[in-house]
Amino acid sequence: MKITISGLPGSGTSTIAGMLADHMGLNLVSAGETFRRLAAEYNMSLEEFGVLAERDPEIDMRLDMEQKRMALEHEGILLEGRLAGHFTEDADLRVWLDAPLRVRAARISK
């Protein structure tokens, strides 16, 4: 089974993905975790790596390709990230989470 959960920052994708993966016994692949791992590989803080990612399209491409690779190579997986649903062509279920801007802003600011 392959499930994707996508949404804008602060919409609750990480929370819901973690709960659903635990409940269903699926392996969770998080775009945020991949981003943090890549920042560590570059020996950069998340803030520094975020600035680099904004300037260098190769970073976004690498993040996207990592999720696509995981989707192609694994079953029993839940992929979480803004574009996860686009990269998982054979997903059994695609979920898009939405939340009002004020709610998302409050979540992100915490």
PDB file of N, CA and C in Angstrom:
ATOM      1  N   MET A   1       0.840  -1.175   0.000  1.00  0.00           N
ATOM      2  CA  MET A   1       0.000   0.000   0.000  1.00  0.00           C
ATOM      3  C   MET A   1       0.884   1.236   0.000  1.00  0.00           C
ATOM      4  N   LYS A   2       0.469   2.235  -0.762  1.00  0.00           N
ATOM      5  CA  LYS A   2       1.165   3.521  -0.798  1.00  0.00           C
ATOM      6  C   LYS A   2       0.143   4.628  -0.585  1.00  0.00           C
ATOM      7  N   ILE A   3       0.427   5.474   0.389  1.00  0.00           N
ATOM      8  CA  ILE A   3      -0.429   6.611   0.709  1.00  0.00           C
ATOM      9  C   ILE A   3       0.433   7.857   0.694  1.00  0.00           C
ATOM     10  N   THR A   4      -0.124   8.948   0.178  1.00  0.00           N
ATOM     11  CA  THR A   4       0.576  10.230   0.251  1.00  0.00           C
ATOM     12  C   THR A   4      -0.290  11.223   1.020  1.00  0.00           C
ATOM     13  N   ILE A   5       0.374  12.057   1.790  1.00  0.00           N
ATOM     14  CA  ILE A   5      -0.298  13.150   2.486  1.00  0.00           C
ATOM     15  C   ILE A   5       0.460  14.422   2.157  1.00  0.00           C
ATOM     16  N   SER A   6      -0.262  15.360   1.568  1.00  0.00           N
ATOM     17  CA  SER A   6       0.335  16.622   1.143  1.00  0.00           C
ATOM     18  C   SER A   6      -0.483  17.777   1.696  1.00  0.00           C
ATOM     19  N   GLY A   7       0.120  18.950   1.682  1.00  0.00           N
ATOM     20  CA  GLY A   7      -0.550  20.161   2.124  1.00  0.00           C
ATOM     21  C   GLY A   7       0.464  21.264   2.300  1.00  0.00           C
ATOM     22  N   LEU A   8      -0.030  22.469   2.437  1.00  0.00           N
ATOM     23  CA  LEU A   8       0.854  23.609   2.645  1.00  0.00           C
ATOM     24  C   LEU A   8       1.459  23.551   4.046  1.00  0.00           C
ATOM     25  N   PRO A   9       2.580  24.238   4.269  1.00  0.00           N
ATOM     26  CA  PRO A   9       3.194  24.253   5.602  1.00  0.00           C
ATOM     27  C   PRO A   9       2.187  24.673   6.681  1.00  0.00           C
ATOM     28  N   GLY A  10       2.186  23.928   7.773  1.00  0.00           N
ATOM     29  CA  GLY A  10       1.292  24.238   8.880  1.00  0.00           C
ATOM     30  C   GLY A  10      -0.094  23.628   8.762  1.00  0.00           C
ATOM     31  N   SER A  11      -0.341  22.860   7.703  1.00  0.00           N
ATOM     32  CA  SER A  11      -1.677  22.280   7.515  1.00  0.00           C
ATOM     33  C   SER A  11      -1.883  20.996   8.310  1.00  0.00           C
ATOM     34  N   GLY A  12      -0.820  20.467   8.915  1.00  0.00           N
ATOM     35  CA  GLY A  12      -0.949  19.282   9.751  1.00  0.00           C
ATOM     36  C   GLY A  12      -0.481  17.995   9.103  1.00  0.00           C
ATOM     37  N   THR A  13       0.227  18.101   7.978  1.00  0.00           N
ATOM     38  CA  THR A  13       0.642  16.888   7.269  1.00  0.00           C
ATOM     39  C   THR A  13       1.542  16.000   8.118  1.00  0.00           C
ATOM     40  N   SER A  14       2.500  16.584   8.808  1.00  0.00           N
ATOM     41  CA  SER A  14       3.429  15.772   9.617  1.00  0.00           C
ATOM     42  C   SER A  14       2.700  15.043  10.736  1.00  0.00           C
ATOM     43  N   THR A  15       1.812  15.733  11.406  1.00  0.00           N
ATOM     44  CA  THR A  15       1.063  15.140  12.517  1.00  0.00           C
ATOM     45  C   THR A  15       0.180  13.998  12.034  1.00  0.00           C
ATOM     46  N   ILE A  16      -0.608  14.260  11.011  1.00  0.00           N
ATOM     47  CA  ILE A  16      -1.529  13.244  10.492  1.00  0.00           C
ATOM     48  C   ILE A  16      -0.757  12.077   9.889  1.00  0.00           C
ATOM     49  N   ALA A  17       0.308  12.375   9.151  1.00  0.00           N
ATOM     50  CA  ALA A  17       1.097  11.307   8.524  1.00  0.00           C
ATOM     51  C   ALA A  17       1.687  10.378   9.578  1.00  0.00           C
ATOM     52  N   GLY A  18       2.230  10.944  10.640  1.00  0.00           N
ATOM     53  CA  GLY A  18       2.803  10.125  11.705  1.00  0.00           C
ATOM     54  C   GLY A  18       1.764   9.244  12.376  1.00  0.00           C
ATOM     55  N   MET A  19       0.609   9.818  12.668  1.00  0.00           N
ATOM     56  CA  MET A  19      -0.459   9.055  13.312  1.00  0.00           C
ATOM     57  C   MET A  19      -0.962   7.933  12.399  1.00  0.00           C
ATOM     58  N   LEU A  20      -1.169   8.254  11.127  1.00  0.00           N
ATOM     59  CA  LEU A  20      -1.697   7.266  10.191  1.00  0.00           C
ATOM     60  C   LEU A  20      -0.685   6.156   9.914  1.00  0.00           C
ATOM     61  N   ALA A  21       0.575   6.526   9.757  1.00  0.00           N
ATOM     62  CA  ALA A  21       1.618   5.518   9.525  1.00  0.00           C
ATOM     63  C   ALA A  21       1.697   4.558  10.709  1.00  0.00           C
ATOM     64  N   ASP A  22       1.653   5.087  11.927  1.00  0.00           N
ATOM     65  CA  ASP A  22       1.671   4.238  13.124  1.00  0.00           C
ATOM     66  C   ASP A  22       0.454   3.316  13.159  1.00  0.00           C
ATOM     67  N   HIS A  23      -0.704   3.891  12.910  1.00  0.00           N
ATOM     68  CA  HIS A  23      -1.956   3.132  12.972  1.00  0.00           C
ATOM     69  C   HIS A  23      -1.994   2.009  11.937  1.00  0.00           C
ATOM     70  N   MET A  24      -1.478   2.286  10.750  1.00  0.00           N
ATOM     71  CA  MET A  24      -1.555   1.311   9.658  1.00  0.00           C
ATOM     72  C   MET A  24      -0.295   0.461   9.512  1.00  0.00           C
ATOM     73  N   GLY A  25       0.717   0.731  10.328  1.00  0.00           N
ATOM     74  CA  GLY A  25       1.958  -0.036  10.244  1.00  0.00           C
ATOM     75  C   GLY A  25       2.740   0.225   8.970  1.00  0.00           C
ATOM     76  N   LEU A  26       2.697   1.463   8.489  1.00  0.00           N
ATOM     77  CA  LEU A  26       3.409   1.842   7.269  1.00  0.00           C
ATOM     78  C   LEU A  26       4.709   2.552   7.617  1.00  0.00           C
ATOM     79  N   ASN A  27       5.684   2.442   6.745  1.00  0.00           N
ATOM     80  CA  ASN A  27       6.927   3.200   6.895  1.00  0.00           C
ATOM     81  C   ASN A  27       6.669   4.629   6.446  1.00  0.00           C
ATOM     82  N   LEU A  28       7.090   5.585   7.248  1.00  0.00           N
ATOM     83  CA  LEU A  28       6.867   6.995   6.953  1.00  0.00           C
ATOM     84  C   LEU A  28       8.108   7.603   6.313  1.00  0.00           C
ATOM     85  N   VAL A  29       7.895   8.259   5.176  1.00  0.00           N
ATOM     86  CA  VAL A  29       8.949   9.026   4.521  1.00  0.00           C
ATOM     87  C   VAL A  29       8.484  10.476   4.522  1.00  0.00           C
ATOM     88  N   SER A  30       9.189  11.304   5.267  1.00  0.00           N
ATOM     89  CA  SER A  30       8.809  12.701   5.457  1.00  0.00           C
ATOM     90  C   SER A  30       9.740  13.618   4.676  1.00  0.00           C
ATOM     91  N   ALA A  31       9.152  14.526   3.901  1.00  0.00           N
ATOM     92  CA  ALA A  31       9.964  15.501   3.175  1.00  0.00           C
ATOM     93  C   ALA A  31      10.771  16.349   4.153  1.00  0.00           C
ATOM     94  N   GLY A  32      10.185  16.673   5.297  1.00  0.00           N
ATOM     95  CA  GLY A  32      10.898  17.456   6.305  1.00  0.00           C
ATOM     96  C   GLY A  32      12.113  16.729   6.847  1.00  0.00           C
ATOM     97  N   GLU A  33      11.958  15.429   7.095  1.00  0.00           N
ATOM     98  CA  GLU A  33      13.097  14.638   7.576  1.00  0.00           C
ATOM     99  C   GLU A  33      14.181  14.553   6.509  1.00  0.00           C
ATOM    100  N   THR A  34      13.770  14.392   5.264  1.00  0.00           N
ATOM    101  CA  THR A  34      14.736  14.348   4.162  1.00  0.00           C
ATOM    102  C   THR A  34      15.480  15.677   4.080  1.00  0.00           C
ATOM    103  N   PHE A  35      14.759  16.787   4.240  1.00  0.00           N
ATOM    104  CA  PHE A  35      15.358  18.121   4.214  1.00  0.00           C
ATOM    105  C   PHE A  35      16.387  18.258   5.333  1.00  0.00           C
ATOM    106  N   ARG A  36      16.035  17.797   6.537  1.00  0.00           N
ATOM    107  CA  ARG A  36      16.957  17.886   7.671  1.00  0.00           C
ATOM    108  C   ARG A  36      18.200  17.018   7.443  1.00  0.00           C
ATOM    109  N   ARG A  37      18.000  15.842   6.862  1.00  0.00           N
ATOM    110  CA  ARG A  37      19.142  14.958   6.576  1.00  0.00           C
ATOM    111  C   ARG A  37      20.080  15.601   5.556  1.00  0.00           C
ATOM    112  N   LEU A  38      19.509  16.211   4.524  1.00  0.00           N
ATOM    113  CA  LEU A  38      20.344  16.867   3.516  1.00  0.00           C
ATOM    114  C   LEU A  38      21.078  18.068   4.109  1.00  0.00           C
ATOM    115  N   ALA A  39      20.421  18.827   4.975  1.00  0.00           N
ATOM    116  CA  ALA A  39      21.082  19.958   5.632  1.00  0.00           C
ATOM    117  C   ALA A  39      22.295  19.467   6.410  1.00  0.00           C
ATOM    118  N   ALA A  40      22.141  18.345   7.102  1.00  0.00           N
ATOM    119  CA  ALA A  40      23.262  17.773   7.859  1.00  0.00           C
ATOM    120  C   ALA A  40      24.383  17.329   6.919  1.00  0.00           C
ATOM    121  N   GLU A  41      24.022  16.739   5.774  1.00  0.00           N
ATOM    122  CA  GLU A  41      25.032  16.322   4.798  1.00  0.00           C
ATOM    123  C   GLU A  41      25.845  17.515   4.292  1.00  0.00           C
ATOM    124  N   TYR A  42      25.183  18.662   4.174  1.00  0.00           N
ATOM    125  CA  TYR A  42      25.844  19.882   3.720  1.00  0.00           C
ATOM    126  C   TYR A  42      26.515  20.630   4.876  1.00  0.00           C
ATOM    127  N   ASN A  43      26.428  20.083   6.094  1.00  0.00           N
ATOM    128  CA  ASN A  43      26.956  20.739   7.298  1.00  0.00           C
ATOM    129  C   ASN A  43      26.398  22.150   7.461  1.00  0.00           C
ATOM    130  N   MET A  44      25.080  22.275   7.293  1.00  0.00           N
ATOM    131  CA  MET A  44      24.417  23.572   7.397  1.00  0.00           C
ATOM    132  C   MET A  44      23.278  23.487   8.401  1.00  0.00           C
ATOM    133  N   SER A  45      22.966  24.643   8.989  1.00  0.00           N
ATOM    134  CA  SER A  45      21.765  24.716   9.817  1.00  0.00           C
ATOM    135  C   SER A  45      20.558  24.636   8.880  1.00  0.00           C
ATOM    136  N   LEU A  46      19.390  24.392   9.453  1.00  0.00           N
ATOM    137  CA  LEU A  46      18.183  24.349   8.626  1.00  0.00           C
ATOM    138  C   LEU A  46      17.939  25.691   7.946  1.00  0.00           C
ATOM    139  N   GLU A  47      18.214  26.768   8.677  1.00  0.00           N
ATOM    140  CA  GLU A  47      18.022  28.104   8.105  1.00  0.00           C
ATOM    141  C   GLU A  47      18.971  28.331   6.934  1.00  0.00           C
ATOM    142  N   GLU A  48      20.235  27.996   7.110  1.00  0.00           N
ATOM    143  CA  GLU A  48      21.217  28.164   6.032  1.00  0.00           C
ATOM    144  C   GLU A  48      20.856  27.301   4.826  1.00  0.00           C
ATOM    145  N   PHE A  49      20.459  26.068   5.100  1.00  0.00           N
ATOM    146  CA  PHE A  49      20.114  25.160   4.010  1.00  0.00           C
ATOM    147  C   PHE A  49      18.854  25.635   3.290  1.00  0.00           C
ATOM    148  N   GLY A  50      17.914  26.202   4.043  1.00  0.00           N
ATOM    149  CA  GLY A  50      16.703  26.756   3.436  1.00  0.00           C
ATOM    150  C   GLY A  50      17.020  27.881   2.475  1.00  0.00           C
ATOM    151  N   VAL A  51      17.954  28.747   2.857  1.00  0.00           N
ATOM    152  CA  VAL A  51      18.376  29.844   1.975  1.00  0.00           C
ATOM    153  C   VAL A  51      19.021  29.274   0.716  1.00  0.00           C
ATOM    154  N   LEU A  52      19.889  28.284   0.894  1.00  0.00           N
ATOM    155  CA  LEU A  52      20.525  27.645  -0.255  1.00  0.00           C
ATOM    156  C   LEU A  52      19.484  26.994  -1.162  1.00  0.00           C
ATOM    157  N   ALA A  53      18.521  26.302  -0.567  1.00  0.00           N
ATOM    158  CA  ALA A  53      17.488  25.615  -1.350  1.00  0.00           C
ATOM    159  C   ALA A  53      16.655  26.599  -2.161  1.00  0.00           C
ATOM    160  N   GLU A  54      16.432  27.795  -1.617  1.00  0.00           N
ATOM    161  CA  GLU A  54      15.674  28.810  -2.354  1.00  0.00           C
ATOM    162  C   GLU A  54      16.430  29.293  -3.584  1.00  0.00           C
ATOM    163  N   ARG A  55      17.749  29.287  -3.509  1.00  0.00           N
ATOM    164  CA  ARG A  55      18.583  29.784  -4.611  1.00  0.00           C
ATOM    165  C   ARG A  55      19.001  28.699  -5.592  1.00  0.00           C
ATOM    166  N   ASP A  56      19.034  27.473  -5.122  1.00  0.00           N
ATOM    167  CA  ASP A  56      19.579  26.383  -5.937  1.00  0.00           C
ATOM    168  C   ASP A  56      18.488  25.362  -6.258  1.00  0.00           C
ATOM    169  N   PRO A  57      17.985  25.363  -7.493  1.00  0.00           N
ATOM    170  CA  PRO A  57      16.921  24.421  -7.853  1.00  0.00           C
ATOM    171  C   PRO A  57      17.351  22.958  -7.758  1.00  0.00           C
ATOM    172  N   GLU A  58      18.649  22.708  -7.744  1.00  0.00           N
ATOM    173  CA  GLU A  58      19.143  21.333  -7.612  1.00  0.00           C
ATOM    174  C   GLU A  58      18.750  20.728  -6.260  1.00  0.00           C
ATOM    175  N   ILE A  59      18.665  21.571  -5.235  1.00  0.00           N
ATOM    176  CA  ILE A  59      18.289  21.082  -3.904  1.00  0.00           C
ATOM    177  C   ILE A  59      16.848  20.576  -3.940  1.00  0.00           C
ATOM    178  N   ASP A  60      15.945  21.396  -4.466  1.00  0.00           N
ATOM    179  CA  ASP A  60      14.549  20.968  -4.586  1.00  0.00           C
ATOM    180  C   ASP A  60      14.438  19.705  -5.422  1.00  0.00           C
ATOM    181  N   MET A  61      15.193  19.663  -6.512  1.00  0.00           N
ATOM    182  CA  MET A  61      15.156  18.501  -7.385  1.00  0.00           C
ATOM    183  C   MET A  61      15.630  17.253  -6.633  1.00  0.00           C
ATOM    184  N   ARG A  62      16.659  17.410  -5.828  1.00  0.00           N
ATOM    185  CA  ARG A  62      17.173  16.267  -5.063  1.00  0.00           C
ATOM    186  C   ARG A  62      16.137  15.776  -4.046  1.00  0.00           C
ATOM    187  N   LEU A  63      15.481  16.710  -3.369  1.00  0.00           N
ATOM    188  CA  LEU A  63      14.420  16.335  -2.429  1.00  0.00           C
ATOM    189  C   LEU A  63      13.296  15.594  -3.151  1.00  0.00           C
ATOM    190  N   ASP A  64      12.880  16.147  -4.284  1.00  0.00           N
ATOM    191  CA  ASP A  64      11.802  15.536  -5.054  1.00  0.00           C
ATOM    192  C   ASP A  64      12.186  14.146  -5.547  1.00  0.00           C
ATOM    193  N   MET A  65      13.396  14.012  -6.060  1.00  0.00           N
ATOM    194  CA  MET A  65      13.842  12.728  -6.598  1.00  0.00           C
ATOM    195  C   MET A  65      13.977  11.675  -5.497  1.00  0.00           C
ATOM    196  N   GLU A  66      14.359  12.102  -4.297  1.00  0.00           N
ATOM    197  CA  GLU A  66      14.459  11.169  -3.170  1.00  0.00           C
ATOM    198  C   GLU A  66      13.082  10.595  -2.838  1.00  0.00           C
ATOM    199  N   GLN A  67      12.065  11.455  -2.804  1.00  0.00           N
ATOM    200  CA  GLN A  67      10.716  10.958  -2.514  1.00  0.00           C
ATOM    201  C   GLN A  67      10.215  10.071  -3.652  1.00  0.00           C
ATOM    202  N   LYS A  68      10.491  10.472  -4.871  1.00  0.00           N
ATOM    203  CA  LYS A  68      10.057   9.666  -6.016  1.00  0.00           C
ATOM    204  C   LYS A  68      10.726   8.290  -5.985  1.00  0.00           C
ATOM    205  N   ARG A  69      12.008   8.256  -5.665  1.00  0.00           N
ATOM    206  CA  ARG A  69      12.732   6.986  -5.580  1.00  0.00           C
ATOM    207  C   ARG A  69      12.117   6.087  -4.513  1.00  0.00           C
ATOM    208  N   MET A  70      11.836   6.658  -3.353  1.00  0.00           N
ATOM    209  CA  MET A  70      11.239   5.874  -2.270  1.00  0.00           C
ATOM    210  C   MET A  70       9.872   5.327  -2.687  1.00  0.00           C
ATOM    211  N   ALA A  71       9.097   6.142  -3.379  1.00  0.00           N
ATOM    212  CA  ALA A  71       7.771   5.707  -3.826  1.00  0.00           C
ATOM    213  C   ALA A  71       7.871   4.557  -4.818  1.00  0.00           C
ATOM    214  N   LEU A  72       8.859   4.606  -5.687  1.00  0.00           N
ATOM    215  CA  LEU A  72       9.021   3.554  -6.692  1.00  0.00           C
ATOM    216  C   LEU A  72       9.559   2.259  -6.101  1.00  0.00           C
ATOM    217  N   GLU A  73      10.419   2.366  -5.107  1.00  0.00           N
ATOM    218  CA  GLU A  73      11.133   1.197  -4.592  1.00  0.00           C
ATOM    219  C   GLU A  73      10.439   0.475  -3.442  1.00  0.00           C
ATOM    220  N   HIS A  74       9.435   1.095  -2.836  1.00  0.00           N
ATOM    221  CA  HIS A  74       8.877   0.513  -1.615  1.00  0.00           C
ATOM    222  C   HIS A  74       7.363   0.372  -1.669  1.00  0.00           C
ATOM    223  N   GLU A  75       6.887  -0.627  -0.976  1.00  0.00           N
ATOM    224  CA  GLU A  75       5.463  -0.806  -0.682  1.00  0.00           C
ATOM    225  C   GLU A  75       5.306  -0.602   0.822  1.00  0.00           C
ATOM    226  N   GLY A  76       4.077  -0.497   1.270  1.00  0.00           N
ATOM    227  CA  GLY A  76       3.852  -0.310   2.705  1.00  0.00           C
ATOM    228  C   GLY A  76       4.465   0.986   3.190  1.00  0.00           C
ATOM    229  N   ILE A  77       4.186   2.065   2.442  1.00  0.00           N
ATOM    230  CA  ILE A  77       4.860   3.333   2.699  1.00  0.00           C
ATOM    231  C   ILE A  77       3.848   4.471   2.712  1.00  0.00           C
ATOM    232  N   LEU A  78       4.112   5.449   3.557  1.00  0.00           N
ATOM    233  CA  LEU A  78       3.337   6.678   3.580  1.00  0.00           C
ATOM    234  C   LEU A  78       4.313   7.815   3.342  1.00  0.00           C
ATOM    235  N   LEU A  79       4.091   8.552   2.264  1.00  0.00           N
ATOM    236  CA  LEU A  79       4.967   9.675   1.922  1.00  0.00           C
ATOM    237  C   LEU A  79       4.282  10.974   2.307  1.00  0.00           C
ATOM    238  N   GLU A  80       5.001  11.812   3.039  1.00  0.00           N
ATOM    239  CA  GLU A  80       4.463  13.098   3.495  1.00  0.00           C
ATOM    240  C   GLU A  80       5.312  14.211   2.924  1.00  0.00           C
ATOM    241  N   GLY A  81       4.663  15.167   2.304  1.00  0.00           N
ATOM    242  CA  GLY A  81       5.351  16.335   1.770  1.00  0.00           C
ATOM    243  C   GLY A  81       4.441  17.092   0.826  1.00  0.00           C
ATOM    244  N   ARG A  82       4.771  18.324   0.598  1.00  0.00           N
ATOM    245  CA  ARG A  82       3.922  19.193  -0.203  1.00  0.00           C
ATOM    246  C   ARG A  82       3.601  18.596  -1.569  1.00  0.00           C
ATOM    247  N   LEU A  83       4.575  17.938  -2.196  1.00  0.00           N
ATOM    248  CA  LEU A  83       4.377  17.404  -3.543  1.00  0.00           C
ATOM    249  C   LEU A  83       4.345  15.877  -3.599  1.00  0.00           C
ATOM    250  N   ALA A  84       4.249  15.225  -2.462  1.00  0.00           N
ATOM    251  CA  ALA A  84       4.314  13.755  -2.429  1.00  0.00           C
ATOM    252  C   ALA A  84       3.280  13.109  -3.344  1.00  0.00           C
ATOM    253  N   GLY A  85       2.097  13.656  -3.405  1.00  0.00           N
ATOM    254  CA  GLY A  85       1.047  13.082  -4.243  1.00  0.00           C
ATOM    255  C   GLY A  85       1.360  13.123  -5.719  1.00  0.00           C
ATOM    256  N   HIS A  86       2.176  14.083  -6.124  1.00  0.00           N
ATOM    257  CA  HIS A  86       2.534  14.204  -7.541  1.00  0.00           C
ATOM    258  C   HIS A  86       3.582  13.184  -7.954  1.00  0.00           C
ATOM    259  N   PHE A  87       4.393  12.729  -7.016  1.00  0.00           N
ATOM    260  CA  PHE A  87       5.499  11.834  -7.349  1.00  0.00           C
ATOM    261  C   PHE A  87       5.133  10.367  -7.220  1.00  0.00           C
ATOM    262  N   THR A  88       4.020  10.087  -6.638  1.00  0.00           N
ATOM    263  CA  THR A  88       3.651   8.701  -6.374  1.00  0.00           C
ATOM    264  C   THR A  88       2.496   8.333  -7.299  1.00  0.00           C
ATOM    265  N   GLU A  89       2.856   7.979  -8.512  1.00  0.00           N
ATOM    266  CA  GLU A  89       1.852   7.727  -9.544  1.00  0.00           C
ATOM    267  C   GLU A  89       0.946   6.552  -9.200  1.00  0.00           C
ATOM    268  N   ASP A  90       1.473   5.573  -8.481  1.00  0.00           N
ATOM    269  CA  ASP A  90       0.680   4.385  -8.172  1.00  0.00           C
ATOM    270  C   ASP A  90       0.155   4.393  -6.733  1.00  0.00           C
ATOM    271  N   ALA A  91      -0.041   5.583  -6.176  1.00  0.00           N
ATOM    272  CA  ALA A  91      -0.557   5.679  -4.803  1.00  0.00           C
ATOM    273  C   ALA A  91      -1.961   5.084  -4.717  1.00  0.00           C
ATOM    274  N   ASP A  92      -2.201   4.373  -3.635  1.00  0.00           N
ATOM    275  CA  ASP A  92      -3.535   3.834  -3.385  1.00  0.00           C
ATOM    276  C   ASP A  92      -4.472   4.917  -2.863  1.00  0.00           C
ATOM    277  N   LEU A  93      -3.893   5.908  -2.200  1.00  0.00           N
ATOM    278  CA  LEU A  93      -4.684   7.008  -1.657  1.00  0.00           C
ATOM    279  C   LEU A  93      -3.815   8.254  -1.616  1.00  0.00           C
ATOM    280  N   ARG A  94      -4.373   9.361  -2.094  1.00  0.00           N
ATOM    281  CA  ARG A  94      -3.709  10.668  -2.011  1.00  0.00           C
ATOM    282  C   ARG A  94      -4.591  11.583  -1.160  1.00  0.00           C
ATOM    283  N   VAL A  95      -3.990  12.208  -0.164  1.00  0.00           N
ATOM    284  CA  VAL A  95      -4.727  13.109   0.728  1.00  0.00           C
ATOM    285  C   VAL A  95      -4.089  14.486   0.648  1.00  0.00           C
ATOM    286  N   TRP A  96      -4.917  15.526   0.506  1.00  0.00           N
ATOM    287  CA  TRP A  96      -4.455  16.911   0.561  1.00  0.00           C
ATOM    288  C   TRP A  96      -5.104  17.548   1.783  1.00  0.00           C
ATOM    289  N   LEU A  97      -4.287  18.045   2.705  1.00  0.00           N
ATOM    290  CA  LEU A  97      -4.800  18.716   3.898  1.00  0.00           C
ATOM    291  C   LEU A  97      -4.787  20.217   3.683  1.00  0.00           C
ATOM    292  N   ASP A  98      -5.845  20.850   4.138  1.00  0.00           N
ATOM    293  CA  ASP A  98      -5.957  22.296   4.023  1.00  0.00           C
ATOM    294  C   ASP A  98      -6.307  22.852   5.399  1.00  0.00           C
ATOM    295  N   ALA A  99      -5.868  24.051   5.653  1.00  0.00           N
ATOM    296  CA  ALA A  99      -6.205  24.746   6.895  1.00  0.00           C
ATOM    297  C   ALA A  99      -6.182  26.239   6.594  1.00  0.00           C
ATOM    298  N   PRO A 100      -6.981  27.013   7.310  1.00  0.00           N
ATOM    299  CA  PRO A 100      -6.976  28.460   7.093  1.00  0.00           C
ATOM    300  C   PRO A 100      -5.586  29.053   7.342  1.00  0.00           C
ATOM    301  N   LEU A 101      -5.277  30.120   6.641  1.00  0.00           N
ATOM    302  CA  LEU A 101      -3.975  30.774   6.751  1.00  0.00           C
ATOM    303  C   LEU A 101      -3.639  31.128   8.197  1.00  0.00           C
ATOM    304  N   ARG A 102      -4.584  31.668   8.943  1.00  0.00           N
ATOM    305  CA  ARG A 102      -4.298  32.068  10.329  1.00  0.00           C
ATOM    306  C   ARG A 102      -3.926  30.860  11.188  1.00  0.00           C
ATOM    307  N   VAL A 103      -4.545  29.721  10.939  1.00  0.00           N
ATOM    308  CA  VAL A 103      -4.233  28.495  11.683  1.00  0.00           C
ATOM    309  C   VAL A 103      -2.837  28.011  11.313  1.00  0.00           C
ATOM    310  N   ARG A 104      -2.542  27.994  10.016  1.00  0.00           N
ATOM    311  CA  ARG A 104      -1.223  27.550   9.575  1.00  0.00           C
ATOM    312  C   ARG A 104      -0.134  28.463  10.127  1.00  0.00           C
ATOM    313  N   ALA A 105      -0.371  29.773  10.094  1.00  0.00           N
ATOM    314  CA  ALA A 105       0.618  30.730  10.607  1.00  0.00           C
ATOM    315  C   ALA A 105       0.854  30.515  12.104  1.00  0.00           C
ATOM    316  N   ALA A 106      -0.219  30.280  12.850  1.00  0.00           N
ATOM    317  CA  ALA A 106      -0.082  30.048  14.297  1.00  0.00           C
ATOM    318  C   ALA A 106       0.711  28.770  14.567  1.00  0.00           C
ATOM    319  N   ARG A 107       0.466  27.725  13.793  1.00  0.00           N
ATOM    320  CA  ARG A 107       1.190  26.463  13.987  1.00  0.00           C
ATOM    321  C   ARG A 107       2.675  26.631  13.682  1.00  0.00           C
ATOM    322  N   ILE A 108       2.963  27.321  12.600  1.00  0.00           N
ATOM    323  CA  ILE A 108       4.360  27.498  12.183  1.00  0.00           C
ATOM    324  C   ILE A 108       5.127  28.361  13.177  1.00  0.00           C
ATOM    325  N   SER A 109       4.456  29.361  13.753  1.00  0.00           N
ATOM    326  CA  SER A 109       5.143  30.293  14.658  1.00  0.00           C
ATOM    327  C   SER A 109       5.469  29.671  16.012  1.00  0.00           C
ATOM    328  N   LYS A 110       4.883  28.526  16.340  1.00  0.00           N
ATOM    329  CA  LYS A 110       5.135  27.881  17.643  1.00  0.00           C
ATOM    330  C   LYS A 110       6.473  27.206  17.669  1.00  0.00           C
TER     331      LYS A 110
END
